[in-house]
N, C-alpha and C. Protein backbone atom coordinates (compact mmCIF):
# COMPACT_ATOMS: atom_id res chain seq x y z
N MET A 1 -92.65 -87.00 -51.61
CA MET A 1 -91.02 -87.32 -51.21
C MET A 1 -90.02 -86.55 -51.93
N LYS A 2 -90.40 -86.45 -53.22
CA LYS A 2 -89.50 -85.62 -53.96
C LYS A 2 -88.97 -84.06 -53.88
N ARG A 3 -90.24 -83.45 -53.12
CA ARG A 3 -90.07 -82.33 -52.83
C ARG A 3 -89.62 -81.84 -51.64
N PHE A 4 -89.86 -82.92 -50.55
CA PHE A 4 -89.09 -82.83 -49.44
C PHE A 4 -87.87 -83.13 -49.39
N LYS A 5 -87.18 -84.10 -50.45
CA LYS A 5 -85.83 -84.27 -50.56
C LYS A 5 -85.64 -82.87 -50.98
N ALA A 6 -86.06 -82.14 -52.18
CA ALA A 6 -85.57 -81.41 -52.73
C ALA A 6 -85.56 -80.19 -51.63
N ALA A 7 -86.54 -80.08 -50.79
CA ALA A 7 -86.50 -78.62 -49.76
C ALA A 7 -85.04 -79.36 -48.73
N LEU A 8 -85.17 -80.25 -48.47
CA LEU A 8 -83.64 -80.65 -47.45
C LEU A 8 -82.62 -80.40 -48.05
N LEU A 9 -82.61 -80.70 -49.42
CA LEU A 9 -81.12 -80.14 -50.09
C LEU A 9 -81.01 -78.56 -49.91
N ALA A 10 -81.65 -78.17 -50.36
CA ALA A 10 -82.10 -76.40 -50.32
C ALA A 10 -81.67 -76.43 -49.13
N ALA A 11 -82.12 -76.61 -47.96
CA ALA A 11 -82.16 -76.21 -46.40
C ALA A 11 -80.66 -76.47 -46.18
N ALA A 12 -80.31 -77.61 -46.47
CA ALA A 12 -79.12 -77.93 -45.62
C ALA A 12 -77.78 -76.94 -46.82
N VAL A 13 -78.07 -76.64 -47.82
CA VAL A 13 -76.75 -76.02 -48.56
C VAL A 13 -77.17 -74.63 -48.12
N VAL A 14 -78.24 -74.02 -48.03
CA VAL A 14 -78.79 -72.61 -47.62
C VAL A 14 -77.85 -72.63 -45.75
N ALA A 15 -78.11 -73.59 -45.47
CA ALA A 15 -77.63 -73.61 -43.57
C ALA A 15 -76.30 -73.92 -43.58
N GLY A 16 -75.62 -74.16 -44.85
CA GLY A 16 -74.19 -74.07 -44.58
C GLY A 16 -73.68 -75.31 -44.05
N VAL A 17 -73.77 -76.67 -44.37
CA VAL A 17 -73.42 -78.06 -43.94
C VAL A 17 -72.03 -77.95 -43.93
N ALA A 18 -71.44 -77.95 -43.36
CA ALA A 18 -69.75 -77.12 -43.14
C ALA A 18 -69.20 -78.68 -43.65
N VAL A 19 -68.36 -78.16 -44.43
CA VAL A 19 -67.28 -79.14 -44.89
C VAL A 19 -65.87 -79.08 -44.42
N SER A 20 -65.15 -79.87 -43.88
CA SER A 20 -64.04 -79.89 -43.55
C SER A 20 -62.81 -80.48 -44.51
N ALA A 21 -62.03 -80.26 -44.68
CA ALA A 21 -60.90 -81.05 -45.60
C ALA A 21 -59.98 -81.41 -44.58
N THR A 22 -59.98 -81.48 -43.39
CA THR A 22 -58.82 -81.86 -42.53
C THR A 22 -59.14 -83.00 -41.70
N PRO A 23 -58.11 -83.68 -41.92
CA PRO A 23 -57.89 -85.08 -41.61
C PRO A 23 -58.64 -85.41 -40.10
N ALA A 24 -59.65 -86.35 -39.72
CA ALA A 24 -60.28 -86.44 -38.36
C ALA A 24 -58.81 -86.65 -37.21
N GLN A 25 -58.05 -86.85 -38.02
CA GLN A 25 -56.72 -87.15 -36.27
C GLN A 25 -56.81 -85.95 -35.91
N ALA A 26 -56.41 -84.83 -37.26
CA ALA A 26 -56.03 -83.18 -36.84
C ALA A 26 -57.04 -82.43 -36.11
N LEU A 27 -58.24 -82.54 -35.94
CA LEU A 27 -59.54 -82.38 -35.39
C LEU A 27 -59.44 -82.58 -34.02
N SER A 28 -59.89 -81.59 -33.06
CA SER A 28 -59.61 -81.51 -31.29
C SER A 28 -61.02 -82.34 -31.44
N HIS A 29 -60.99 -83.31 -29.84
CA HIS A 29 -61.99 -83.93 -29.51
C HIS A 29 -62.51 -83.60 -28.17
N CYS A 30 -63.94 -83.70 -28.10
CA CYS A 30 -64.51 -82.90 -26.63
C CYS A 30 -65.26 -83.87 -25.99
N ASN A 31 -65.39 -84.00 -24.88
CA ASN A 31 -66.02 -85.22 -23.79
C ASN A 31 -67.49 -84.80 -24.05
N VAL A 32 -68.13 -85.67 -24.56
CA VAL A 32 -69.83 -84.65 -24.26
C VAL A 32 -70.72 -85.74 -23.40
N GLY A 33 -71.24 -85.87 -22.63
CA GLY A 33 -72.30 -86.67 -22.13
C GLY A 33 -71.52 -88.22 -21.83
N GLY A 34 -70.24 -88.30 -21.91
CA GLY A 34 -69.58 -89.82 -21.82
C GLY A 34 -69.28 -90.34 -22.88
N GLY A 35 -69.34 -89.35 -23.77
CA GLY A 35 -69.03 -90.16 -25.09
C GLY A 35 -67.80 -89.14 -25.70
N VAL A 36 -66.93 -89.33 -26.91
CA VAL A 36 -65.97 -88.42 -26.96
C VAL A 36 -66.37 -88.27 -28.48
N VAL A 37 -66.43 -86.59 -28.91
CA VAL A 37 -66.83 -86.01 -30.25
C VAL A 37 -65.81 -85.23 -30.86
N ILE A 38 -66.12 -84.99 -32.30
CA ILE A 38 -65.40 -83.99 -32.66
C ILE A 38 -65.81 -82.73 -32.43
N CYS A 39 -64.94 -82.06 -31.74
CA CYS A 39 -65.24 -80.75 -31.26
C CYS A 39 -65.86 -79.42 -32.49
N GLU A 40 -65.14 -79.50 -33.45
CA GLU A 40 -65.50 -78.28 -34.89
C GLU A 40 -66.66 -78.81 -35.11
N TYR A 41 -67.53 -80.18 -34.71
CA TYR A 41 -68.48 -80.46 -35.97
C TYR A 41 -69.90 -80.46 -34.83
N GLY A 42 -69.80 -79.44 -33.46
CA GLY A 42 -70.49 -79.36 -32.72
C GLY A 42 -71.45 -80.59 -32.29
N VAL A 43 -72.43 -80.33 -31.52
CA VAL A 43 -73.77 -81.30 -30.83
C VAL A 43 -74.68 -80.67 -31.84
N SER A 44 -75.68 -81.02 -32.52
CA SER A 44 -76.85 -80.81 -32.82
C SER A 44 -77.82 -81.15 -32.08
N VAL A 45 -79.11 -80.51 -31.64
CA VAL A 45 -80.01 -81.21 -30.52
C VAL A 45 -81.51 -80.88 -31.24
N TYR A 46 -82.16 -81.84 -31.24
CA TYR A 46 -83.79 -81.43 -31.83
C TYR A 46 -84.55 -81.83 -30.31
N THR A 47 -85.25 -81.15 -29.92
CA THR A 47 -86.20 -81.35 -28.91
C THR A 47 -87.43 -81.26 -29.16
N PHE A 48 -88.31 -82.42 -28.83
CA PHE A 48 -89.61 -83.02 -29.24
C PHE A 48 -90.89 -82.27 -28.30
N SER A 49 -91.80 -82.23 -29.11
CA SER A 49 -93.06 -81.08 -28.21
C SER A 49 -93.25 -81.54 -27.01
N ASN A 50 -92.85 -83.03 -26.17
CA ASN A 50 -93.04 -83.67 -25.08
C ASN A 50 -91.92 -83.13 -24.28
N GLY A 51 -90.77 -82.46 -24.56
CA GLY A 51 -89.74 -81.75 -24.01
C GLY A 51 -88.52 -82.76 -23.93
N THR A 52 -88.78 -83.80 -24.50
CA THR A 52 -87.55 -84.72 -24.68
C THR A 52 -86.77 -84.21 -25.53
N LYS A 53 -85.29 -84.76 -25.64
CA LYS A 53 -84.36 -84.14 -26.42
C LYS A 53 -83.59 -85.22 -27.30
N GLN A 54 -82.86 -84.99 -28.32
CA GLN A 54 -82.16 -86.06 -29.27
C GLN A 54 -80.86 -85.04 -29.23
N GLU A 55 -79.71 -85.77 -29.10
CA GLU A 55 -78.55 -84.77 -29.56
C GLU A 55 -77.47 -85.94 -30.81
N PHE A 56 -76.94 -85.18 -31.73
CA PHE A 56 -76.75 -85.94 -32.34
C PHE A 56 -75.00 -84.87 -32.70
N ALA A 57 -73.86 -86.00 -32.76
CA ALA A 57 -72.71 -85.68 -32.67
C ALA A 57 -71.42 -86.46 -33.83
N ILE A 58 -71.09 -86.06 -34.25
CA ILE A 58 -69.95 -86.76 -34.95
C ILE A 58 -68.59 -87.60 -34.12
N GLY A 59 -68.57 -88.94 -33.81
CA GLY A 59 -67.79 -89.75 -33.24
C GLY A 59 -66.00 -89.43 -33.74
N THR A 60 -65.13 -89.92 -33.06
CA THR A 60 -63.74 -89.79 -33.54
C THR A 60 -63.82 -90.82 -34.70
N ASP A 61 -64.33 -91.91 -34.84
CA ASP A 61 -64.56 -92.56 -35.80
C ASP A 61 -65.40 -92.31 -36.98
N LEU A 62 -65.86 -90.99 -37.34
CA LEU A 62 -66.49 -89.98 -38.18
C LEU A 62 -67.76 -90.38 -38.24
N ALA A 63 -68.59 -91.26 -37.31
CA ALA A 63 -69.70 -91.68 -37.42
C ALA A 63 -70.48 -90.91 -36.44
N VAL A 64 -72.05 -90.81 -37.25
CA VAL A 64 -72.73 -90.27 -36.50
C VAL A 64 -73.16 -90.72 -35.18
N TRP A 65 -73.22 -90.43 -33.97
CA TRP A 65 -73.34 -90.73 -32.93
C TRP A 65 -74.50 -90.25 -32.23
N THR A 66 -75.82 -90.68 -31.38
CA THR A 66 -76.96 -90.06 -31.12
C THR A 66 -77.18 -90.68 -29.88
N ARG A 67 -77.73 -89.68 -28.62
CA ARG A 67 -78.62 -90.35 -27.46
C ARG A 67 -79.73 -89.15 -27.40
N TRP A 68 -80.44 -89.67 -26.62
CA TRP A 68 -81.77 -88.84 -26.10
C TRP A 68 -82.03 -89.03 -24.96
N THR A 69 -83.34 -88.19 -24.45
CA THR A 69 -83.69 -88.23 -22.93
C THR A 69 -85.01 -88.98 -23.05
N ASN A 70 -85.36 -89.75 -21.96
CA ASN A 70 -86.70 -90.07 -21.58
C ASN A 70 -87.53 -88.75 -20.86
N THR A 71 -88.73 -88.90 -20.68
CA THR A 71 -89.76 -88.01 -20.08
C THR A 71 -89.11 -87.68 -19.01
N SER A 72 -88.32 -88.36 -18.05
CA SER A 72 -88.03 -87.62 -17.09
C SER A 72 -86.61 -87.22 -16.79
N GLY A 73 -86.13 -86.88 -18.06
CA GLY A 73 -84.68 -86.13 -18.60
C GLY A 73 -83.45 -86.87 -18.22
N THR A 74 -83.31 -88.45 -18.02
CA THR A 74 -82.46 -88.93 -18.05
C THR A 74 -81.83 -89.63 -19.90
N TRP A 75 -80.53 -89.23 -19.63
CA TRP A 75 -79.84 -89.27 -20.97
C TRP A 75 -79.48 -90.79 -21.11
N THR A 76 -79.66 -91.26 -22.44
CA THR A 76 -79.26 -92.67 -22.56
C THR A 76 -77.64 -92.80 -22.98
N SER A 77 -77.05 -93.85 -23.02
CA SER A 77 -75.83 -94.05 -23.47
C SER A 77 -75.71 -93.25 -25.11
N TRP A 78 -74.67 -93.37 -25.66
CA TRP A 78 -74.42 -92.48 -27.39
C TRP A 78 -74.62 -94.24 -27.91
N THR A 79 -75.47 -94.01 -29.25
CA THR A 79 -75.57 -95.03 -30.16
C THR A 79 -74.77 -94.50 -31.49
N SER A 80 -74.26 -95.66 -31.92
CA SER A 80 -73.95 -95.17 -33.73
C SER A 80 -75.20 -95.11 -34.50
N MET A 81 -74.84 -94.63 -35.13
CA MET A 81 -75.66 -94.47 -36.65
C MET A 81 -74.97 -94.54 -37.62
N GLY A 82 -74.04 -95.11 -37.48
CA GLY A 82 -72.83 -95.58 -38.71
C GLY A 82 -72.39 -94.25 -39.50
N GLY A 83 -71.73 -94.50 -40.60
CA GLY A 83 -71.36 -93.68 -41.81
C GLY A 83 -70.00 -93.02 -41.32
N GLU A 84 -69.47 -92.25 -42.50
CA GLU A 84 -68.19 -91.57 -42.31
C GLU A 84 -68.52 -90.10 -43.09
N TRP A 85 -68.71 -88.91 -42.07
CA TRP A 85 -68.76 -87.64 -42.44
C TRP A 85 -67.93 -87.08 -42.34
N ARG A 86 -68.09 -85.81 -43.11
CA ARG A 86 -67.24 -84.56 -43.36
C ARG A 86 -67.95 -83.20 -43.03
N SER A 87 -68.78 -83.30 -41.88
CA SER A 87 -69.79 -82.32 -41.65
C SER A 87 -70.51 -82.40 -40.30
N GLY A 88 -70.91 -81.11 -39.60
CA GLY A 88 -71.91 -81.49 -38.64
C GLY A 88 -72.96 -82.08 -39.04
N VAL A 89 -73.68 -81.91 -38.20
CA VAL A 89 -75.23 -82.84 -38.60
C VAL A 89 -76.31 -81.47 -38.29
N GLY A 90 -76.92 -81.57 -39.52
CA GLY A 90 -78.18 -80.64 -39.93
C GLY A 90 -79.15 -81.13 -39.55
N ILE A 91 -80.34 -80.61 -38.89
CA ILE A 91 -81.54 -80.90 -38.55
C ILE A 91 -82.54 -80.36 -39.53
N ARG A 92 -83.55 -80.85 -39.79
CA ARG A 92 -84.50 -80.69 -40.83
C ARG A 92 -85.78 -81.04 -40.75
N THR A 93 -86.62 -79.95 -40.36
CA THR A 93 -87.79 -80.37 -39.93
C THR A 93 -89.02 -80.59 -41.00
N GLN A 94 -90.06 -81.06 -40.71
CA GLN A 94 -91.55 -80.84 -41.71
C GLN A 94 -92.58 -80.24 -40.42
N GLN A 95 -93.52 -79.53 -41.50
CA GLN A 95 -94.75 -78.81 -40.46
C GLN A 95 -95.51 -80.30 -40.40
N VAL A 96 -96.01 -81.07 -40.75
CA VAL A 96 -96.65 -82.27 -40.82
C VAL A 96 -96.76 -82.70 -39.14
N SER A 97 -95.67 -83.38 -38.64
CA SER A 97 -95.38 -83.70 -37.36
C SER A 97 -94.21 -83.42 -36.61
N PRO A 98 -94.03 -82.90 -34.98
CA PRO A 98 -93.18 -82.46 -34.70
C PRO A 98 -91.92 -83.94 -34.39
N TYR A 99 -92.72 -85.17 -34.84
CA TYR A 99 -91.70 -86.13 -34.60
C TYR A 99 -90.78 -86.53 -35.94
N LEU A 100 -91.56 -86.10 -36.86
CA LEU A 100 -90.90 -86.17 -38.03
C LEU A 100 -89.61 -85.42 -38.47
N PHE A 101 -88.74 -85.95 -38.81
CA PHE A 101 -87.28 -84.71 -39.14
C PHE A 101 -86.05 -85.57 -39.83
N ALA A 102 -85.66 -84.92 -40.43
CA ALA A 102 -84.41 -85.51 -40.89
C ALA A 102 -82.95 -85.12 -40.40
N ILE A 103 -81.79 -86.01 -40.34
CA ILE A 103 -80.43 -85.32 -40.13
C ILE A 103 -79.99 -85.18 -41.56
N VAL A 104 -79.08 -84.13 -42.03
CA VAL A 104 -78.17 -84.06 -43.17
C VAL A 104 -76.95 -83.68 -43.02
N LEU A 105 -76.09 -84.46 -43.76
CA LEU A 105 -74.70 -84.58 -43.55
C LEU A 105 -73.88 -84.57 -44.74
N LYS A 106 -72.77 -83.99 -44.78
CA LYS A 106 -72.00 -84.31 -46.14
C LYS A 106 -70.84 -85.71 -46.01
N GLY A 107 -70.90 -86.61 -47.01
CA GLY A 107 -70.09 -87.44 -46.67
C GLY A 107 -69.22 -87.51 -47.41
N THR A 108 -67.90 -88.58 -47.56
CA THR A 108 -66.60 -88.39 -48.02
C THR A 108 -66.61 -88.36 -49.42
N ASP A 109 -67.96 -88.84 -49.89
CA ASP A 109 -67.84 -88.35 -51.47
C ASP A 109 -68.23 -87.37 -51.95
N GLY A 110 -68.54 -86.34 -50.97
CA GLY A 110 -68.86 -85.39 -51.54
C GLY A 110 -70.50 -84.99 -51.60
N TRP A 111 -71.59 -86.11 -51.47
CA TRP A 111 -72.50 -85.90 -51.63
C TRP A 111 -73.05 -85.59 -50.40
N LEU A 112 -74.42 -84.68 -50.14
CA LEU A 112 -75.57 -84.60 -49.26
C LEU A 112 -75.63 -85.83 -48.72
N TRP A 113 -75.85 -86.09 -47.61
CA TRP A 113 -76.95 -87.74 -47.01
C TRP A 113 -78.35 -87.74 -46.15
N ALA A 114 -78.73 -88.11 -46.36
CA ALA A 114 -80.00 -87.67 -45.27
C ALA A 114 -80.42 -89.24 -44.55
N ASN A 115 -80.77 -88.91 -43.16
CA ASN A 115 -81.68 -90.00 -42.61
C ASN A 115 -82.83 -89.96 -42.01
N TRP A 116 -83.98 -90.19 -42.17
CA TRP A 116 -85.31 -89.74 -42.00
C TRP A 116 -85.86 -90.38 -40.92
N ARG A 117 -86.51 -89.76 -39.70
CA ARG A 117 -87.04 -90.46 -38.57
C ARG A 117 -88.73 -90.28 -38.83
N ASP A 118 -89.40 -91.26 -38.48
CA ASP A 118 -90.77 -91.33 -38.33
C ASP A 118 -91.08 -90.99 -37.06
N HIS A 119 -92.52 -91.18 -37.05
CA HIS A 119 -93.03 -90.62 -35.80
C HIS A 119 -93.06 -91.72 -34.36
N ASN A 120 -92.49 -92.94 -35.18
CA ASN A 120 -92.52 -93.86 -34.12
C ASN A 120 -90.76 -93.87 -33.73
N GLY A 121 -90.13 -93.46 -34.04
CA GLY A 121 -88.73 -93.23 -34.14
C GLY A 121 -87.92 -93.97 -34.67
N ASN A 122 -88.41 -94.88 -36.00
CA ASN A 122 -87.65 -95.37 -36.62
C ASN A 122 -87.10 -94.53 -37.54
N TRP A 123 -85.67 -95.21 -37.93
CA TRP A 123 -84.91 -94.51 -39.11
C TRP A 123 -84.81 -95.24 -40.45
N THR A 124 -85.00 -94.33 -41.87
CA THR A 124 -84.96 -95.17 -43.38
C THR A 124 -83.92 -95.63 -43.20
N GLY A 125 -82.96 -95.09 -42.94
CA GLY A 125 -81.65 -95.27 -43.63
C GLY A 125 -80.89 -94.71 -44.35
N TRP A 126 -79.47 -94.26 -44.45
CA TRP A 126 -78.95 -93.28 -45.11
C TRP A 126 -79.20 -93.28 -46.87
N GLY A 127 -79.72 -92.25 -47.22
CA GLY A 127 -80.11 -92.02 -48.61
C GLY A 127 -79.57 -90.39 -49.38
N HIS A 128 -78.72 -90.55 -50.36
CA HIS A 128 -77.93 -89.42 -50.61
C HIS A 128 -79.00 -88.66 -51.34
N LEU A 129 -78.94 -87.69 -51.09
CA LEU A 129 -79.79 -86.66 -51.80
C LEU A 129 -79.37 -86.08 -53.40
N PRO A 130 -80.23 -85.20 -54.28
CA PRO A 130 -80.16 -85.16 -55.55
C PRO A 130 -78.65 -84.10 -55.50
N ASP A 131 -77.85 -84.30 -56.20
CA ASP A 131 -76.82 -83.58 -56.62
C ASP A 131 -77.14 -82.11 -56.88
N PRO A 132 -76.38 -81.27 -55.84
CA PRO A 132 -76.92 -80.11 -55.96
C PRO A 132 -76.38 -79.05 -57.04
N THR A 133 -75.69 -79.61 -58.31
CA THR A 133 -75.16 -79.00 -59.56
C THR A 133 -76.13 -79.01 -60.14
């Protein structure tokens, strides 16, 4: 698990998880799938091997919000995953299973945080990654 966390940290840093010092109220808002998200942070999409998708975005409350499709392609409503973030959502995968992945973000404390999804769709909860310095 330490190797995986270190790899996630390196990937997040290399991928350039963007940090914005701009207050949320100064950021522009976009309507996406019936929800309002911060445009500058974008929407991240993970596509599963069965063709279903899961989207992640930062809402106007600065929490991560997610929605997904079922096998017929119908989208769910947006659901909050909580937190208060200052970056877009980075998605990091493992080669072990196409259903195992993590989302990585920069918190208001300046740390990188991750939440891991298991093959059953359960999330571990937020945990900070080792200090990059």
